[in-house]
């Protein structure tokens, strides 16, 4: 097995196809009043999420909550400094299995995919892209961001989106990084 390849972070995901060019969950997808800060990998709730490469956990925090937006469930994000020097935010986790300061090897379980959207609270008052995700049955996913520094710029940021027209200079498109994650979970 080629150990130079990174693990695909959601082995039980619906597909390894990454959304691109404005598709649901693509990087910098225009969502009307906001832009998507990462890539969403759709998967069944409670699917295992694994670390693509060796790294150290810098932060574990609440990512979404019904206290912030009523159509959200409680989910968490984990920020990892990877051995390659990138800073990974892996979010919308139901249950993190690691804590700040943990040094992890590639393939380590870091959490389970959460069900971020509460369909009972989605209405015609909800943002259009939330209504569309609900109509397509896309309630659970891993939200994956790539940054060049930590902590990231969170000005105008909420729940995986920036409320501005241009990405911060330190936010990177994770598409190529994830495309290189071809190693299968053992």
C-alpha atoms as a PDB file:
ATOM      1  CA  UNK A   1       0.000   0.000   0.000  1.00  0.00           C
ATOM      2  CA  UNK A   2       1.239   3.492  -0.881  1.00  0.00           C
ATOM      3  CA  UNK A   3       1.622   5.325   2.438  1.00  0.00           C
ATOM      4  CA  UNK A   4       2.308   8.623   0.615  1.00  0.00           C
ATOM      5  CA  UNK A   5      -1.390   8.921  -0.232  1.00  0.00           C
ATOM      6  CA  UNK A   6      -3.820  10.504   2.205  1.00  0.00           C
ATOM      7  CA  UNK A   7      -6.970   8.762   3.407  1.00  0.00           C
ATOM      8  CA  UNK A   8     -10.378   9.669   2.015  1.00  0.00           C
ATOM      9  CA  UNK A   9     -11.972  11.250   5.128  1.00  0.00           C
ATOM     10  CA  UNK A  10     -15.417   9.618   4.924  1.00  0.00           C
ATOM     11  CA  UNK A  11     -15.026   5.961   3.904  1.00  0.00           C
ATOM     12  CA  UNK A  12     -18.816   5.386   3.920  1.00  0.00           C
ATOM     13  CA  UNK A  13     -19.622   8.583   1.990  1.00  0.00           C
ATOM     14  CA  UNK A  14     -22.149   8.384  -0.815  1.00  0.00           C
ATOM     15  CA  UNK A  15     -19.408   9.006  -3.363  1.00  0.00           C
ATOM     16  CA  UNK A  16     -15.860  10.232  -3.836  1.00  0.00           C
ATOM     17  CA  UNK A  17     -17.155  12.736  -6.398  1.00  0.00           C
ATOM     18  CA  UNK A  18     -16.372  16.215  -5.169  1.00  0.00           C
ATOM     19  CA  UNK A  19     -18.855  18.980  -5.892  1.00  0.00           C
ATOM     20  CA  UNK A  20     -17.416  21.649  -8.207  1.00  0.00           C
ATOM     21  CA  UNK A  21     -18.422  24.861  -9.990  1.00  0.00           C
ATOM     22  CA  UNK A  22     -21.457  25.856  -7.961  1.00  0.00           C
ATOM     23  CA  UNK A  23     -22.817  22.354  -7.278  1.00  0.00           C
ATOM     24  CA  UNK A  24     -24.317  21.773  -3.801  1.00  0.00           C
ATOM     25  CA  UNK A  25     -21.455  21.860  -1.328  1.00  0.00           C
ATOM     26  CA  UNK A  26     -18.734  23.065  -3.694  1.00  0.00           C
ATOM     27  CA  UNK A  27     -16.016  25.460  -2.606  1.00  0.00           C
ATOM     28  CA  UNK A  28     -17.100  29.116  -2.696  1.00  0.00           C
ATOM     29  CA  UNK A  29     -20.588  28.144  -3.899  1.00  0.00           C
ATOM     30  CA  UNK A  30     -22.706  31.301  -4.147  1.00  0.00           C
ATOM     31  CA  UNK A  31     -25.551  30.866  -1.674  1.00  0.00           C
ATOM     32  CA  UNK A  32     -27.193  34.226  -2.210  1.00  0.00           C
ATOM     33  CA  UNK A  33     -26.099  36.227   0.817  1.00  0.00           C
ATOM     34  CA  UNK A  34     -23.070  34.024   1.611  1.00  0.00           C
ATOM     35  CA  UNK A  35     -20.366  31.825   0.053  1.00  0.00           C
ATOM     36  CA  UNK A  36     -19.429  28.294   1.085  1.00  0.00           C
ATOM     37  CA  UNK A  37     -16.018  28.080   2.781  1.00  0.00           C
ATOM     38  CA  UNK A  38     -15.288  24.418   2.118  1.00  0.00           C
ATOM     39  CA  UNK A  39     -16.408  21.251   0.370  1.00  0.00           C
ATOM     40  CA  UNK A  40     -19.237  19.063   1.629  1.00  0.00           C
ATOM     41  CA  UNK A  41     -18.882  15.286   1.447  1.00  0.00           C
ATOM     42  CA  UNK A  42     -22.382  13.833   1.799  1.00  0.00           C
ATOM     43  CA  UNK A  43     -22.665  10.679   3.898  1.00  0.00           C
ATOM     44  CA  UNK A  44     -25.146   8.865   6.113  1.00  0.00           C
ATOM     45  CA  UNK A  45     -25.395  10.163   9.692  1.00  0.00           C
ATOM     46  CA  UNK A  46     -22.915   8.515  12.065  1.00  0.00           C
ATOM     47  CA  UNK A  47     -20.521   7.537   9.267  1.00  0.00           C
ATOM     48  CA  UNK A  48     -16.925   7.381  10.461  1.00  0.00           C
ATOM     49  CA  UNK A  49     -14.746  10.424   9.774  1.00  0.00           C
ATOM     50  CA  UNK A  50     -11.028   9.751   9.680  1.00  0.00           C
ATOM     51  CA  UNK A  51      -7.982  11.986   9.556  1.00  0.00           C
ATOM     52  CA  UNK A  52      -6.488  12.096   6.033  1.00  0.00           C
ATOM     53  CA  UNK A  53      -2.880  12.472   7.265  1.00  0.00           C
ATOM     54  CA  UNK A  54      -0.917  12.711  10.518  1.00  0.00           C
ATOM     55  CA  UNK A  55      -1.653  15.812  12.570  1.00  0.00           C
ATOM     56  CA  UNK A  56      -2.272  17.466  15.912  1.00  0.00           C
ATOM     57  CA  UNK A  57      -5.691  18.610  17.097  1.00  0.00           C
ATOM     58  CA  UNK A  58      -5.630  22.367  17.702  1.00  0.00           C
ATOM     59  CA  UNK A  59      -9.284  22.927  18.576  1.00  0.00           C
ATOM     60  CA  UNK A  60     -12.620  21.172  19.047  1.00  0.00           C
ATOM     61  CA  UNK A  61     -15.660  23.443  19.149  1.00  0.00           C
ATOM     62  CA  UNK A  62     -19.373  23.740  18.498  1.00  0.00           C
ATOM     63  CA  UNK A  63     -19.949  24.392  14.800  1.00  0.00           C
ATOM     64  CA  UNK A  64     -23.739  24.553  14.404  1.00  0.00           C
ATOM     65  CA  UNK A  65     -26.484  24.763  16.988  1.00  0.00           C
ATOM     66  CA  UNK A  66     -30.242  25.378  17.079  1.00  0.00           C
ATOM     67  CA  UNK A  67     -29.391  28.244  19.449  1.00  0.00           C
ATOM     68  CA  UNK A  68     -27.730  29.970  16.469  1.00  0.00           C
ATOM     69  CA  UNK A  69     -30.086  28.911  13.628  1.00  0.00           C
ATOM     70  CA  UNK A  70     -33.263  27.007  14.463  1.00  0.00           C
ATOM     71  CA  UNK A  71     -32.902  24.732  11.408  1.00  0.00           C
ATOM     72  CA  UNK A  72     -29.506  23.430  12.648  1.00  0.00           C
ATOM     73  CA  UNK A  73     -28.761  20.477  14.890  1.00  0.00           C
ATOM     74  CA  UNK A  74     -25.815  20.614  17.284  1.00  0.00           C
ATOM     75  CA  UNK A  75     -22.583  19.685  15.478  1.00  0.00           C
ATOM     76  CA  UNK A  76     -18.868  20.123  16.142  1.00  0.00           C
ATOM     77  CA  UNK A  77     -15.728  21.025  14.226  1.00  0.00           C
ATOM     78  CA  UNK A  78     -12.187  19.823  14.701  1.00  0.00           C
ATOM     79  CA  UNK A  79      -9.201  21.897  13.603  1.00  0.00           C
ATOM     80  CA  UNK A  80      -6.037  19.903  12.838  1.00  0.00           C
ATOM     81  CA  UNK A  81      -2.549  21.013  11.858  1.00  0.00           C
ATOM     82  CA  UNK A  82      -1.542  18.375   9.329  1.00  0.00           C
ATOM     83  CA  UNK A  83       1.957  17.053   8.849  1.00  0.00           C
ATOM     84  CA  UNK A  84       1.957  18.625   5.360  1.00  0.00           C
ATOM     85  CA  UNK A  85       1.509  22.062   6.964  1.00  0.00           C
ATOM     86  CA  UNK A  86      -2.142  22.653   6.119  1.00  0.00           C
ATOM     87  CA  UNK A  87      -4.779  23.467   8.698  1.00  0.00           C
ATOM     88  CA  UNK A  88      -7.853  21.266   8.256  1.00  0.00           C
ATOM     89  CA  UNK A  89     -11.292  22.090   9.605  1.00  0.00           C
ATOM     90  CA  UNK A  90     -13.447  18.980   9.590  1.00  0.00           C
ATOM     91  CA  UNK A  91     -16.927  19.972  10.671  1.00  0.00           C
ATOM     92  CA  UNK A  92     -20.560  19.047  11.092  1.00  0.00           C
ATOM     93  CA  UNK A  93     -19.553  16.139  13.278  1.00  0.00           C
ATOM     94  CA  UNK A  94     -22.138  14.609  15.569  1.00  0.00           C
ATOM     95  CA  UNK A  95     -19.622  13.261  17.972  1.00  0.00           C
ATOM     96  CA  UNK A  96     -15.924  14.139  18.094  1.00  0.00           C
ATOM     97  CA  UNK A  97     -13.671  11.337  19.339  1.00  0.00           C
ATOM     98  CA  UNK A  98     -10.573  13.450  19.943  1.00  0.00           C
ATOM     99  CA  UNK A  99      -9.630  16.492  21.981  1.00  0.00           C
ATOM    100  CA  UNK A 100      -7.336  19.492  21.742  1.00  0.00           C
ATOM    101  CA  UNK A 101      -3.686  18.455  21.926  1.00  0.00           C
ATOM    102  CA  UNK A 102      -4.175  14.908  20.620  1.00  0.00           C
ATOM    103  CA  UNK A 103      -1.455  13.815  18.200  1.00  0.00           C
ATOM    104  CA  UNK A 104      -3.091  11.522  15.644  1.00  0.00           C
ATOM    105  CA  UNK A 105      -1.877   9.328  12.829  1.00  0.00           C
ATOM    106  CA  UNK A 106      -3.429   9.164   9.379  1.00  0.00           C
ATOM    107  CA  UNK A 107      -6.562   7.019   9.437  1.00  0.00           C
ATOM    108  CA  UNK A 108      -7.426   7.842  13.066  1.00  0.00           C
ATOM    109  CA  UNK A 109     -11.130   8.112  13.817  1.00  0.00           C
ATOM    110  CA  UNK A 110     -11.889  11.743  14.706  1.00  0.00           C
ATOM    111  CA  UNK A 111     -15.674  11.636  14.869  1.00  0.00           C
ATOM    112  CA  UNK A 112     -18.958  10.714  13.258  1.00  0.00           C
ATOM    113  CA  UNK A 113     -20.869  12.564  10.541  1.00  0.00           C
ATOM    114  CA  UNK A 114     -23.657  14.633  12.038  1.00  0.00           C
ATOM    115  CA  UNK A 115     -27.101  15.434  10.758  1.00  0.00           C
ATOM    116  CA  UNK A 116     -26.692  19.198  10.532  1.00  0.00           C
ATOM    117  CA  UNK A 117     -30.139  20.164   9.207  1.00  0.00           C
ATOM    118  CA  UNK A 118     -33.338  19.765  11.214  1.00  0.00           C
ATOM    119  CA  UNK A 119     -35.981  19.193   8.531  1.00  0.00           C
ATOM    120  CA  UNK A 120     -38.815  19.977  10.970  1.00  0.00           C
ATOM    121  CA  UNK A 121     -37.505  23.551  11.296  1.00  0.00           C
ATOM    122  CA  UNK A 122     -36.909  24.269   7.597  1.00  0.00           C
ATOM    123  CA  UNK A 123     -39.585  26.524   6.091  1.00  0.00           C
ATOM    124  CA  UNK A 124     -40.091  29.003   3.274  1.00  0.00           C
ATOM    125  CA  UNK A 125     -38.430  31.541   5.595  1.00  0.00           C
ATOM    126  CA  UNK A 126     -35.183  29.537   5.607  1.00  0.00           C
ATOM    127  CA  UNK A 127     -32.411  30.490   3.143  1.00  0.00           C
ATOM    128  CA  UNK A 128     -33.054  29.154  -0.357  1.00  0.00           C
ATOM    129  CA  UNK A 129     -29.981  26.899  -0.359  1.00  0.00           C
ATOM    130  CA  UNK A 130     -31.148  25.331   2.943  1.00  0.00           C
ATOM    131  CA  UNK A 131     -34.578  24.671   1.419  1.00  0.00           C
ATOM    132  CA  UNK A 132     -32.902  23.111  -1.640  1.00  0.00           C
ATOM    133  CA  UNK A 133     -30.683  20.855   0.497  1.00  0.00           C
ATOM    134  CA  UNK A 134     -33.784  19.735   2.383  1.00  0.00           C
ATOM    135  CA  UNK A 135     -35.662  19.006  -0.850  1.00  0.00           C
ATOM    136  CA  UNK A 136     -32.699  16.859  -2.009  1.00  0.00           C
ATOM    137  CA  UNK A 137     -32.484  15.036   1.333  1.00  0.00           C
ATOM    138  CA  UNK A 138     -28.969  16.306   2.057  1.00  0.00           C
ATOM    139  CA  UNK A 139     -29.091  16.643   5.828  1.00  0.00           C
ATOM    140  CA  UNK A 140     -25.786  14.994   6.808  1.00  0.00           C
ATOM    141  CA  UNK A 141     -22.281  15.644   5.563  1.00  0.00           C
ATOM    142  CA  UNK A 142     -18.670  16.293   6.453  1.00  0.00           C
ATOM    143  CA  UNK A 143     -17.835  19.960   5.882  1.00  0.00           C
ATOM    144  CA  UNK A 144     -14.116  20.157   4.990  1.00  0.00           C
ATOM    145  CA  UNK A 145     -12.117  23.400   4.923  1.00  0.00           C
ATOM    146  CA  UNK A 146      -8.444  24.021   4.180  1.00  0.00           C
ATOM    147  CA  UNK A 147      -6.538  26.984   5.640  1.00  0.00           C
ATOM    148  CA  UNK A 148      -2.967  28.238   5.453  1.00  0.00           C
ATOM    149  CA  UNK A 149      -2.930  29.463   9.070  1.00  0.00           C
ATOM    150  CA  UNK A 150      -4.513  29.013  12.480  1.00  0.00           C
ATOM    151  CA  UNK A 151      -6.636  30.493  13.815  1.00  0.00           C
ATOM    152  CA  UNK A 152      -8.505  31.179  10.574  1.00  0.00           C
ATOM    153  CA  UNK A 153     -10.025  34.521   9.654  1.00  0.00           C
ATOM    154  CA  UNK A 154     -13.572  34.286  11.022  1.00  0.00           C
ATOM    155  CA  UNK A 155     -14.626  37.812  10.131  1.00  0.00           C
ATOM    156  CA  UNK A 156     -18.077  37.522   8.495  1.00  0.00           C
ATOM    157  CA  UNK A 157     -18.048  33.730   9.081  1.00  0.00           C
ATOM    158  CA  UNK A 158     -20.811  31.453  10.373  1.00  0.00           C
ATOM    159  CA  UNK A 159     -21.499  27.740   9.991  1.00  0.00           C
ATOM    160  CA  UNK A 160     -19.125  27.086   7.104  1.00  0.00           C
ATOM    161  CA  UNK A 161     -19.982  30.235   5.146  1.00  0.00           C
ATOM    162  CA  UNK A 162     -18.501  33.683   4.655  1.00  0.00           C
ATOM    163  CA  UNK A 163     -20.855  36.619   4.266  1.00  0.00           C
ATOM    164  CA  UNK A 164     -18.625  38.420   1.751  1.00  0.00           C
ATOM    165  CA  UNK A 165     -17.849  38.322  -1.962  1.00  0.00           C
ATOM    166  CA  UNK A 166     -14.208  37.173  -1.838  1.00  0.00           C
ATOM    167  CA  UNK A 167     -12.556  34.439   0.218  1.00  0.00           C
ATOM    168  CA  UNK A 168     -10.044  35.470   2.877  1.00  0.00           C
ATOM    169  CA  UNK A 169      -6.448  35.158   1.640  1.00  0.00           C
ATOM    170  CA  UNK A 170      -5.779  32.303   4.075  1.00  0.00           C
ATOM    171  CA  UNK A 171      -8.784  30.173   2.977  1.00  0.00           C
ATOM    172  CA  UNK A 172      -7.743  27.590   0.399  1.00  0.00           C
ATOM    173  CA  UNK A 173      -9.856  25.565  -2.027  1.00  0.00           C
ATOM    174  CA  UNK A 174      -9.705  22.008  -0.587  1.00  0.00           C
ATOM    175  CA  UNK A 175     -10.753  20.330  -3.852  1.00  0.00           C
ATOM    176  CA  UNK A 176      -7.234  19.366  -4.996  1.00  0.00           C
ATOM    177  CA  UNK A 177      -6.229  18.289  -1.494  1.00  0.00           C
ATOM    178  CA  UNK A 178      -9.264  15.987  -1.307  1.00  0.00           C
ATOM    179  CA  UNK A 179      -8.706  14.732  -4.861  1.00  0.00           C
ATOM    180  CA  UNK A 180      -5.337  13.432  -3.652  1.00  0.00           C
ATOM    181  CA  UNK A 181      -6.988  11.530  -0.785  1.00  0.00           C
ATOM    182  CA  UNK A 182      -7.110   8.192  -2.546  1.00  0.00           C
ATOM    183  CA  UNK A 183      -5.992   5.847   0.191  1.00  0.00           C
ATOM    184  CA  UNK A 184      -8.822   3.620   1.404  1.00  0.00           C
ATOM    185  CA  UNK A 185      -9.556   3.090   5.074  1.00  0.00           C
ATOM    186  CA  UNK A 186      -8.398  -0.305   6.298  1.00  0.00           C
END
